[in-house]
Amino acid sequence: MTSWIFAIFFLPHIAVPLYFIIGIRKRKSKNEKDFLHFHDVHGYEQYVFREKTHGIIGILEKNGIPPATRKNSFELITDNTEAFERMLKEIDAAQESIDMCTYVFKFDKSTELILSALIQKAKEGIKVRLLIDLIGSLGANFQRGGFKELKDAGGEVEFFIPFFKRPLQSYINLREHRKIYLFDKKRLLSGGMNLSDEYMGKDESTERWDDLMYYLEGPEVTIFYSIFHNDWGYTTQTEEEVTLSIEDSFEGDCIAQAVPSGPDMERDALYEALLHIIYTAKKRIWIVTPYFVPDENIMQALIIAVHRDVDVKLITPKVSNHQLADMARSSYMRELDAVGGDVQLHNGAMLHAKAILVDDIGGMVGSLNLDNRSLFLNYEVVTFISSASFVVSIESWMQELIKNASKGMESPSKMREASENIMKVFAPMI
């Protein structure tokens, strides 16, 4: 809000109308259905994790998030060709439905193969739905003819909040940043990877970004279907009755809890959960994020964690794909580095992954960046995971990232420092 006040004071003719276009954070509506509704799931109760040893679980439940569940299977996928092959494998295995939600979709070699697989499934009578963010995929929006064959086969393609159709209802600054790839309402791929060559593909590429995807199977997947169903219904302005039930038995070793955030959540449950895990971490909190522009509360929590002798690691790109974000983040990174935080600047390909490891308990993976846009504006979704196997896999991956990183921040020039301080004021608006 401070940034908006400065902007309105110095540039009123630009900032005032801009605030009403992009400055509103939560959707306000006469109709309560605008807020995300979690479906009742028959059979879900038997998998609910009832122990309250994890304080985060109580915080999330009191914010209206469905309880964590036991016996989920989790798999971390950090190789982009493996992620692509897994995507095609899950599409091919689908027997009833395929529901996909992505922020970025580009027509390229990778999506040509994905579309071909989706078209084949649609021809087989499988229900195929593809939800794409309009702002993140402007190119695809202007090439909608590329989806004709999929639509002709019976598939459905929609762009999230099309402001050309509903300009008075649109909030163009509130973007569908969730990555949800659902198969038969039972199996899930999610994480940071969008649908384009930048993220995944058949062949190895040195230009492809470093990212991660994860596979989840178990009772928690039904929560992701509720999230997708609400986003789809809001976009298409349709209401579809859904009955969800868990008919399979699961024996995975993971406790999992899906947590959405954004304008369709009445309260900031995910934000509260993040603050809680930072303040209660005893041994370590390792963070991987492409963009680090935290708000004051999270920044202070990280500093206090360092002062409590918690191993606070920030693994982030040395140079990201957004120059303004790099300028805005630098003062925060220098502050964390100065108090004893371990700032690791990843070299090589753009690091686009988002993950947090807490102590030896578990952590978080999903679409959330540690910046103000992700924390307070975008529609996001993450999964909190607790299991020994998760800790081993995520720690090993983070250690590999550190091997290709440089430690600490260099002292800035006077001009650079002044620019960073100016950008810090306007950081929440980026």
Protein backbone atom coordinates (compact mmCIF):
# COMPACT_ATOMS: atom_id res chain seq x y z
CA MET A 1 0.00 0.00 0.00
CA THR A 2 2.91 2.37 0.71
CA SER A 3 4.06 1.95 -2.89
CA TRP A 4 0.64 2.90 -4.19
CA ILE A 5 0.53 5.98 -1.95
CA PHE A 6 3.89 7.16 -3.31
CA ALA A 7 2.79 6.51 -6.88
CA ILE A 8 -0.54 8.30 -6.43
CA PHE A 9 1.18 11.28 -4.79
CA PHE A 10 3.84 11.74 -7.47
CA LEU A 11 1.96 10.45 -10.55
CA PRO A 12 -1.74 10.87 -9.76
CA HIS A 13 -3.02 10.96 -13.35
CA ILE A 14 -1.40 7.60 -14.06
CA ALA A 15 -1.53 5.87 -10.67
CA VAL A 16 -5.16 6.54 -9.73
CA PRO A 17 -6.77 4.84 -12.74
CA LEU A 18 -4.05 2.17 -12.65
CA TYR A 19 -4.93 1.34 -9.03
CA PHE A 20 -8.53 0.61 -9.94
CA ILE A 21 -7.35 -1.64 -12.76
CA ILE A 22 -4.60 -3.62 -11.05
CA GLY A 23 -4.46 -2.53 -7.42
CA ILE A 24 -7.44 -4.49 -6.08
CA ARG A 25 -6.25 -7.68 -4.41
CA LYS A 26 -9.34 -9.67 -3.42
CA ARG A 27 -12.38 -10.27 -5.59
CA LYS A 28 -15.44 -8.60 -4.11
CA SER A 29 -18.76 -9.91 -5.24
CA LYS A 30 -22.34 -10.14 -4.14
CA ASN A 31 -22.13 -13.82 -4.91
CA GLU A 32 -20.20 -16.02 -2.49
CA LYS A 33 -19.40 -18.58 -5.16
CA ASP A 34 -16.53 -16.30 -6.22
CA PHE A 35 -14.63 -17.71 -3.26
CA LEU A 36 -13.20 -21.17 -3.74
CA HIS A 37 -15.51 -23.96 -2.61
CA PHE A 38 -14.01 -27.31 -1.63
CA HIS A 39 -16.22 -30.25 -2.55
CA ASP A 40 -17.21 -32.90 -0.06
CA VAL A 41 -15.37 -36.10 -0.94
CA HIS A 42 -16.84 -39.45 0.05
CA GLY A 43 -14.08 -41.57 1.61
CA TYR A 44 -11.79 -38.61 2.35
CA GLU A 45 -12.33 -38.77 6.09
CA GLN A 46 -10.58 -42.12 6.52
CA TYR A 47 -7.32 -40.58 5.29
CA VAL A 48 -7.38 -37.39 7.36
CA PHE A 49 -4.20 -36.83 9.37
CA ARG A 50 -5.47 -36.22 12.90
CA GLU A 51 -2.26 -35.62 14.85
CA LYS A 52 -1.76 -31.97 15.70
CA THR A 53 2.01 -32.20 16.14
CA HIS A 54 2.40 -30.13 12.97
CA GLY A 55 1.26 -26.62 13.99
CA ILE A 56 0.82 -25.59 10.38
CA ILE A 57 -2.06 -28.05 9.98
CA GLY A 58 -4.18 -26.28 12.58
CA ILE A 59 -3.45 -22.87 11.05
CA LEU A 60 -4.56 -24.03 7.61
CA GLU A 61 -7.69 -25.78 8.85
CA LYS A 62 -8.79 -22.68 10.77
CA ASN A 63 -8.42 -20.75 7.52
CA GLY A 64 -10.84 -23.10 5.77
CA ILE A 65 -8.29 -25.38 4.07
CA PRO A 66 -9.29 -29.08 4.04
CA PRO A 67 -7.26 -31.16 6.52
CA ALA A 68 -4.03 -32.87 5.55
CA THR A 69 -4.24 -36.49 4.46
CA ARG A 70 -2.11 -39.60 4.98
CA LYS A 71 -0.97 -42.29 2.56
CA ASN A 72 -0.19 -40.07 -0.42
CA SER A 73 2.57 -41.00 -2.87
CA PHE A 74 4.93 -38.21 -3.90
CA GLU A 75 7.66 -38.10 -6.53
CA LEU A 76 9.97 -35.18 -7.27
CA ILE A 77 10.82 -34.69 -10.98
CA THR A 78 13.68 -32.28 -11.67
CA ASP A 79 14.78 -33.42 -15.13
CA ASN A 80 12.89 -31.56 -17.87
CA THR A 81 12.90 -34.42 -20.38
CA GLU A 82 11.69 -36.81 -17.69
CA ALA A 83 8.93 -34.34 -16.83
CA PHE A 84 7.89 -34.20 -20.49
CA GLU A 85 7.86 -37.97 -20.84
CA ARG A 86 5.85 -38.27 -17.63
CA MET A 87 3.32 -35.76 -18.92
CA LEU A 88 2.80 -37.77 -22.11
CA LYS A 89 2.64 -41.01 -20.12
CA GLU A 90 -0.10 -39.69 -17.83
CA ILE A 91 -2.07 -38.30 -20.77
CA ASP A 92 -1.88 -41.67 -22.50
CA ALA A 93 -2.97 -43.50 -19.33
CA ALA A 94 -6.03 -41.33 -18.71
CA GLN A 95 -9.28 -43.27 -18.98
CA GLU A 96 -11.93 -40.71 -18.02
CA SER A 97 -10.70 -37.12 -17.88
CA ILE A 98 -7.74 -34.79 -18.34
CA ASP A 99 -7.89 -31.35 -16.71
CA MET A 100 -4.98 -28.97 -17.26
CA CYS A 101 -4.32 -25.48 -15.96
CA THR A 102 -1.21 -23.48 -16.91
CA TYR A 103 0.06 -19.92 -16.81
CA VAL A 104 2.19 -20.13 -19.96
CA PHE A 105 1.25 -22.01 -23.11
CA LYS A 106 3.25 -21.54 -26.31
CA PHE A 107 2.86 -23.24 -29.65
CA ASP A 108 6.20 -25.02 -30.11
CA LYS A 109 7.70 -28.48 -30.52
CA SER A 110 6.86 -29.62 -27.00
CA THR A 111 3.25 -28.47 -26.99
CA GLU A 112 2.76 -29.83 -30.51
CA LEU A 113 3.33 -33.32 -29.08
CA ILE A 114 1.23 -32.60 -25.99
CA LEU A 115 -1.64 -31.28 -28.11
CA SER A 116 -1.40 -34.30 -30.38
CA ALA A 117 -1.72 -36.59 -27.36
CA LEU A 118 -4.68 -34.60 -26.02
CA ILE A 119 -6.41 -34.68 -29.40
CA GLN A 120 -6.06 -38.45 -29.52
CA LYS A 121 -7.59 -38.81 -26.05
CA ALA A 122 -10.45 -36.48 -26.94
CA LYS A 123 -11.18 -38.59 -30.02
CA GLU A 124 -11.35 -41.63 -27.73
CA GLY A 125 -14.11 -39.93 -25.75
CA ILE A 126 -11.95 -38.78 -22.83
CA LYS A 127 -13.06 -35.45 -21.35
CA VAL A 128 -10.24 -32.99 -22.05
CA ARG A 129 -10.18 -29.46 -20.62
CA LEU A 130 -7.34 -26.95 -20.94
CA LEU A 131 -7.39 -23.71 -18.91
CA ILE A 132 -4.78 -21.08 -19.85
CA ASP A 133 -4.03 -17.70 -18.31
CA LEU A 134 -4.68 -14.93 -20.81
CA ILE A 135 -1.88 -12.59 -19.73
CA GLY A 136 0.75 -15.31 -19.39
CA SER A 137 -0.16 -16.74 -22.79
CA LEU A 138 -0.98 -13.72 -24.95
CA GLY A 139 0.70 -15.31 -27.97
CA ALA A 140 -1.49 -18.41 -27.75
CA ASN A 141 -4.53 -16.19 -27.27
CA PHE A 142 -3.88 -14.51 -30.61
CA GLN A 143 -3.30 -17.92 -32.25
CA ARG A 144 -6.43 -19.67 -31.03
CA GLY A 145 -6.72 -21.42 -34.35
CA GLY A 146 -3.97 -23.71 -33.07
CA PHE A 147 -6.55 -25.32 -30.76
CA LYS A 148 -9.09 -25.99 -33.53
CA GLU A 149 -8.23 -29.66 -33.97
CA LEU A 150 -8.49 -30.28 -30.23
CA LYS A 151 -11.86 -28.52 -30.07
CA ASP A 152 -13.11 -30.38 -33.13
CA ALA A 153 -12.22 -33.62 -31.37
CA GLY A 154 -14.35 -32.61 -28.38
CA GLY A 155 -11.74 -30.99 -26.16
CA GLU A 156 -12.38 -27.66 -24.45
CA VAL A 157 -9.97 -24.73 -24.26
CA GLU A 158 -10.59 -21.59 -22.20
CA PHE A 159 -8.54 -18.50 -21.33
CA PHE A 160 -8.75 -17.37 -17.72
CA ILE A 161 -10.62 -14.07 -17.23
CA PRO A 162 -10.82 -12.89 -20.85
CA PHE A 163 -11.07 -9.12 -20.35
CA PHE A 164 -12.12 -8.57 -23.96
CA LYS A 165 -15.31 -10.48 -23.20
CA ARG A 166 -15.91 -9.23 -19.64
CA PRO A 167 -13.93 -5.99 -19.20
CA LEU A 168 -15.95 -4.73 -16.23
CA GLN A 169 -15.43 -7.99 -14.34
CA SER A 170 -11.77 -8.45 -15.14
CA TYR A 171 -8.87 -7.95 -12.79
CA ILE A 172 -5.99 -8.13 -15.24
CA ASN A 173 -3.42 -7.99 -12.45
CA LEU A 174 -4.83 -11.14 -10.82
CA ARG A 175 -3.33 -13.96 -12.85
CA GLU A 176 -3.96 -17.69 -12.99
CA HIS A 177 -0.48 -18.84 -12.03
CA ARG A 178 -1.48 -22.33 -10.87
CA LYS A 179 -0.05 -25.36 -12.64
CA ILE A 180 -2.49 -28.23 -12.30
CA TYR A 181 -2.33 -31.29 -14.55
CA LEU A 182 -4.99 -33.79 -13.43
CA PHE A 183 -5.66 -37.24 -14.80
CA ASP A 184 -8.88 -39.10 -13.98
CA LYS A 185 -9.21 -36.91 -10.84
CA LYS A 186 -6.75 -39.38 -9.26
CA ARG A 187 -3.25 -38.47 -10.38
CA LEU A 188 -1.57 -35.08 -10.42
CA LEU A 189 1.42 -33.37 -11.94
CA SER A 190 2.16 -29.89 -10.61
CA GLY A 191 5.02 -27.58 -9.65
CA GLY A 192 6.61 -24.70 -11.51
CA MET A 193 6.64 -26.04 -15.07
CA ASN A 194 4.36 -24.45 -17.66
CA LEU A 195 3.62 -25.88 -21.10
CA SER A 196 6.35 -24.76 -23.49
CA ASP A 197 9.88 -25.63 -24.67
CA GLU A 198 11.33 -23.38 -21.96
CA TYR A 199 10.19 -25.82 -19.29
CA MET A 200 10.10 -29.32 -20.75
CA GLY A 201 10.73 -31.19 -23.96
CA LYS A 202 11.59 -34.42 -25.72
CA ASP A 203 15.25 -33.54 -26.25
CA GLU A 204 17.85 -32.02 -23.94
CA SER A 205 18.38 -28.29 -24.34
CA THR A 206 20.92 -25.95 -22.75
CA GLU A 207 18.45 -23.09 -23.12
CA ARG A 208 15.76 -24.82 -21.06
CA TRP A 209 15.14 -23.47 -17.57
CA ASP A 210 15.94 -25.36 -14.37
CA ASP A 211 12.60 -26.20 -12.82
CA LEU A 212 10.75 -28.96 -11.06
CA MET A 213 7.54 -30.88 -11.31
CA TYR A 214 6.06 -33.31 -8.84
CA TYR A 215 3.75 -36.28 -9.09
CA LEU A 216 1.11 -36.82 -6.44
CA GLU A 217 -1.26 -39.75 -6.11
CA GLY A 218 -3.59 -40.24 -3.18
CA PRO A 219 -6.56 -38.68 -1.39
CA GLU A 220 -5.09 -35.17 -1.56
CA VAL A 221 -5.50 -35.08 -5.34
CA THR A 222 -9.25 -34.56 -4.91
CA ILE A 223 -8.53 -31.12 -3.41
CA PHE A 224 -6.74 -30.12 -6.61
CA TYR A 225 -9.81 -31.12 -8.57
CA SER A 226 -11.94 -28.78 -6.44
CA ILE A 227 -9.50 -25.96 -7.21
CA PHE A 228 -9.52 -26.66 -10.95
CA HIS A 229 -13.30 -27.05 -11.00
CA ASN A 230 -13.79 -23.65 -9.36
CA ASP A 231 -11.35 -21.93 -11.73
CA TRP A 232 -13.00 -23.54 -14.75
CA GLY A 233 -16.49 -22.60 -13.58
CA TYR A 234 -15.47 -19.00 -12.92
CA THR A 235 -13.85 -18.68 -16.32
CA THR A 236 -16.71 -20.25 -18.28
CA GLN A 237 -19.46 -18.81 -16.06
CA THR A 238 -20.95 -22.28 -15.73
CA GLU A 239 -21.95 -24.38 -12.73
CA GLU A 240 -21.45 -28.12 -12.93
CA GLU A 241 -22.57 -30.48 -10.20
CA VAL A 242 -19.71 -32.72 -9.11
CA THR A 243 -19.71 -35.80 -6.91
CA LEU A 244 -16.28 -36.85 -5.71
CA SER A 245 -15.44 -40.09 -3.99
CA ILE A 246 -12.30 -42.04 -3.18
CA GLU A 247 -12.73 -45.61 -4.34
CA ASP A 248 -9.10 -46.73 -4.45
CA SER A 249 -7.02 -47.64 -1.42
CA PHE A 250 -3.71 -45.82 -0.94
CA GLU A 251 -0.53 -46.83 0.88
CA GLY A 252 1.86 -43.95 0.23
CA ASP A 253 4.23 -42.65 2.92
CA CYS A 254 3.49 -38.92 2.63
CA ILE A 255 1.30 -36.57 4.63
CA ALA A 256 0.12 -33.96 2.14
CA GLN A 257 -1.96 -30.79 2.23
CA ALA A 258 -2.87 -28.78 -0.86
CA VAL A 259 -3.08 -25.05 -0.21
CA PRO A 260 -4.41 -22.55 -2.76
CA SER A 261 -4.00 -18.81 -2.42
CA GLY A 262 -5.28 -15.80 -4.29
CA PRO A 263 -8.31 -13.57 -4.74
CA ASP A 264 -10.64 -16.58 -4.47
CA MET A 265 -9.52 -17.27 -0.89
CA GLU A 266 -11.25 -15.24 1.80
CA ARG A 267 -8.14 -15.18 4.02
CA ASP A 268 -4.38 -15.44 3.42
CA ALA A 269 -3.94 -18.99 4.70
CA LEU A 270 -0.77 -19.72 2.73
CA TYR A 271 0.87 -16.48 3.86
CA GLU A 272 0.13 -17.35 7.50
CA ALA A 273 1.54 -20.84 6.99
CA LEU A 274 4.77 -19.47 5.53
CA LEU A 275 5.27 -17.11 8.44
CA HIS A 276 4.60 -19.97 10.86
CA ILE A 277 7.17 -22.33 9.36
CA ILE A 278 9.84 -19.61 9.29
CA TYR A 279 9.24 -18.66 12.91
CA THR A 280 9.12 -22.26 14.15
CA ALA A 281 12.00 -23.76 12.12
CA LYS A 282 14.60 -25.18 14.53
CA LYS A 283 17.41 -26.42 12.30
CA ARG A 284 17.09 -25.04 8.79
CA ILE A 285 14.88 -23.38 6.24
CA TRP A 286 16.14 -23.65 2.67
CA ILE A 287 14.30 -21.65 0.03
CA VAL A 288 14.45 -21.99 -3.74
CA THR A 289 12.70 -19.20 -5.64
CA PRO A 290 13.30 -17.43 -8.97
CA TYR A 291 12.12 -14.07 -7.61
CA PHE A 292 12.79 -12.88 -4.05
CA VAL A 293 10.84 -9.75 -3.20
CA PRO A 294 9.30 -10.60 0.20
CA ASP A 295 7.09 -8.35 2.25
CA GLU A 296 8.35 -6.84 5.52
CA ASN A 297 6.89 -9.59 7.73
CA ILE A 298 8.53 -12.47 5.87
CA MET A 299 11.83 -10.60 5.63
CA GLN A 300 11.82 -9.94 9.38
CA ALA A 301 10.93 -13.57 10.11
CA LEU A 302 13.93 -14.75 8.05
CA ILE A 303 16.26 -12.34 9.84
CA ILE A 304 15.02 -13.52 13.23
CA ALA A 305 15.51 -17.14 12.09
CA VAL A 306 19.14 -16.36 11.27
CA HIS A 307 19.54 -14.76 14.71
CA ARG A 308 18.12 -17.96 16.24
CA ASP A 309 20.97 -19.86 14.52
CA VAL A 310 18.65 -21.49 12.00
CA ASP A 311 20.41 -22.32 8.72
CA VAL A 312 18.61 -19.95 6.33
CA LYS A 313 19.54 -20.64 2.72
CA LEU A 314 18.23 -18.68 -0.26
CA ILE A 315 18.91 -20.31 -3.62
CA THR A 316 17.94 -18.00 -6.46
CA PRO A 317 19.15 -17.20 -10.00
CA LYS A 318 22.24 -15.04 -10.30
CA VAL A 319 20.39 -13.33 -13.13
CA SER A 320 16.68 -13.98 -13.67
CA ASN A 321 14.55 -13.37 -16.76
CA HIS A 322 13.13 -10.14 -15.25
CA GLN A 323 15.59 -7.26 -14.91
CA LEU A 324 13.20 -5.16 -12.80
CA ALA A 325 12.66 -8.04 -10.39
CA ASP A 326 16.44 -8.46 -10.10
CA MET A 327 16.81 -4.79 -9.24
CA ALA A 328 13.95 -4.93 -6.72
CA ARG A 329 15.23 -8.06 -4.97
CA SER A 330 18.85 -7.01 -4.48
CA SER A 331 18.41 -4.92 -1.34
CA TYR A 332 16.52 -7.77 0.36
CA MET A 333 19.19 -10.27 -0.59
CA ARG A 334 21.96 -7.97 0.63
CA GLU A 335 20.15 -7.52 3.94
CA LEU A 336 19.76 -11.27 4.39
CA ASP A 337 23.41 -11.83 3.43
CA ALA A 338 24.58 -9.12 5.85
CA VAL A 339 22.91 -10.72 8.89
CA GLY A 340 24.39 -14.14 8.15
CA GLY A 341 21.89 -15.74 5.79
CA ASP A 342 23.35 -18.05 3.15
CA VAL A 343 22.57 -16.47 -0.23
CA GLN A 344 23.38 -18.81 -3.11
CA LEU A 345 23.28 -17.35 -6.63
CA HIS A 346 22.60 -20.10 -9.17
CA ASN A 347 24.63 -19.93 -12.37
CA GLY A 348 23.69 -21.26 -15.78
CA ALA A 349 20.12 -21.72 -16.94
CA MET A 350 17.31 -19.65 -15.46
CA LEU A 351 16.21 -21.23 -12.16
CA HIS A 352 12.41 -21.18 -12.15
CA ALA A 353 11.68 -23.75 -9.42
CA LYS A 354 9.86 -22.93 -6.19
CA ALA A 355 10.38 -25.02 -3.05
CA ILE A 356 11.03 -24.79 0.68
CA LEU A 357 12.68 -27.37 2.96
CA VAL A 358 12.07 -27.09 6.70
CA ASP A 359 14.24 -28.95 9.24
CA ASP A 360 13.98 -32.71 8.66
CA ILE A 361 10.18 -32.62 8.72
CA GLY A 362 9.14 -31.71 5.19
CA GLY A 363 8.47 -28.67 3.11
CA MET A 364 6.55 -27.02 0.31
CA VAL A 365 6.53 -27.26 -3.48
CA GLY A 366 4.26 -25.58 -5.99
CA SER A 367 3.74 -22.46 -8.08
CA LEU A 368 4.41 -19.81 -5.41
CA ASN A 369 7.31 -17.38 -5.81
CA LEU A 370 8.52 -15.44 -2.77
CA ASP A 371 7.45 -12.08 -4.10
CA ASN A 372 4.50 -9.81 -3.49
CA ARG A 373 2.73 -10.71 -6.72
CA SER A 374 2.69 -14.41 -5.90
CA LEU A 375 1.97 -13.88 -2.21
CA PHE A 376 -0.90 -11.44 -2.59
CA LEU A 377 -2.14 -11.14 -6.18
CA ASN A 378 -1.85 -14.31 -8.23
CA TYR A 379 -3.95 -17.45 -8.04
CA GLU A 380 -1.43 -19.98 -6.72
CA VAL A 381 -1.38 -23.51 -5.32
CA VAL A 382 1.25 -25.41 -3.35
CA THR A 383 1.50 -28.73 -1.56
CA PHE A 384 2.95 -29.10 1.90
CA ILE A 385 4.60 -32.53 2.18
CA SER A 386 5.89 -34.35 5.24
CA SER A 387 7.83 -37.60 4.85
CA ALA A 388 11.39 -38.88 5.15
CA SER A 389 11.55 -39.71 1.45
CA PHE A 390 10.49 -36.16 0.51
CA VAL A 391 13.19 -34.63 2.71
CA VAL A 392 15.87 -36.84 1.13
CA SER A 393 14.82 -36.05 -2.44
CA ILE A 394 14.37 -32.30 -2.01
CA GLU A 395 17.60 -31.90 -0.01
CA SER A 396 19.60 -33.81 -2.62
CA TRP A 397 18.19 -31.64 -5.41
CA MET A 398 18.94 -28.42 -3.51
CA GLN A 399 22.50 -29.57 -2.82
CA GLU A 400 23.00 -30.09 -6.56
CA LEU A 401 21.80 -26.53 -7.21
CA ILE A 402 24.29 -25.19 -4.66
CA LYS A 403 27.15 -26.96 -6.47
CA ASN A 404 26.48 -24.67 -9.43
CA ALA A 405 26.09 -21.47 -7.41
CA SER A 406 28.22 -18.64 -6.04
CA LYS A 407 27.87 -17.62 -2.40
CA GLY A 408 27.06 -14.14 -1.14
CA MET A 409 26.43 -10.70 -2.59
CA GLU A 410 29.00 -8.32 -4.02
CA SER A 411 29.15 -4.75 -2.72
CA PRO A 412 27.15 -2.46 -5.03
CA SER A 413 28.32 0.80 -6.54
CA LYS A 414 26.79 3.99 -5.15
CA MET A 415 24.62 4.34 -8.24
CA ARG A 416 23.47 0.73 -8.01
CA GLU A 417 22.69 1.06 -4.31
CA ALA A 418 20.63 4.19 -4.92
CA SER A 419 18.72 2.49 -7.73
CA GLU A 420 18.04 -0.56 -5.56
CA ASN A 421 16.70 1.60 -2.73
CA ILE A 422 14.35 3.38 -5.12
CA MET A 423 13.17 0.08 -6.55
CA LYS A 424 12.55 -1.25 -3.04
CA VAL A 425 9.87 1.38 -2.52
CA PHE A 426 8.04 0.25 -5.63
CA ALA A 427 8.85 -3.48 -5.23
CA PRO A 428 5.29 -4.47 -4.13
CA MET A 429 3.93 -3.16 -7.44
CA ILE A 430 6.26 -5.25 -9.66
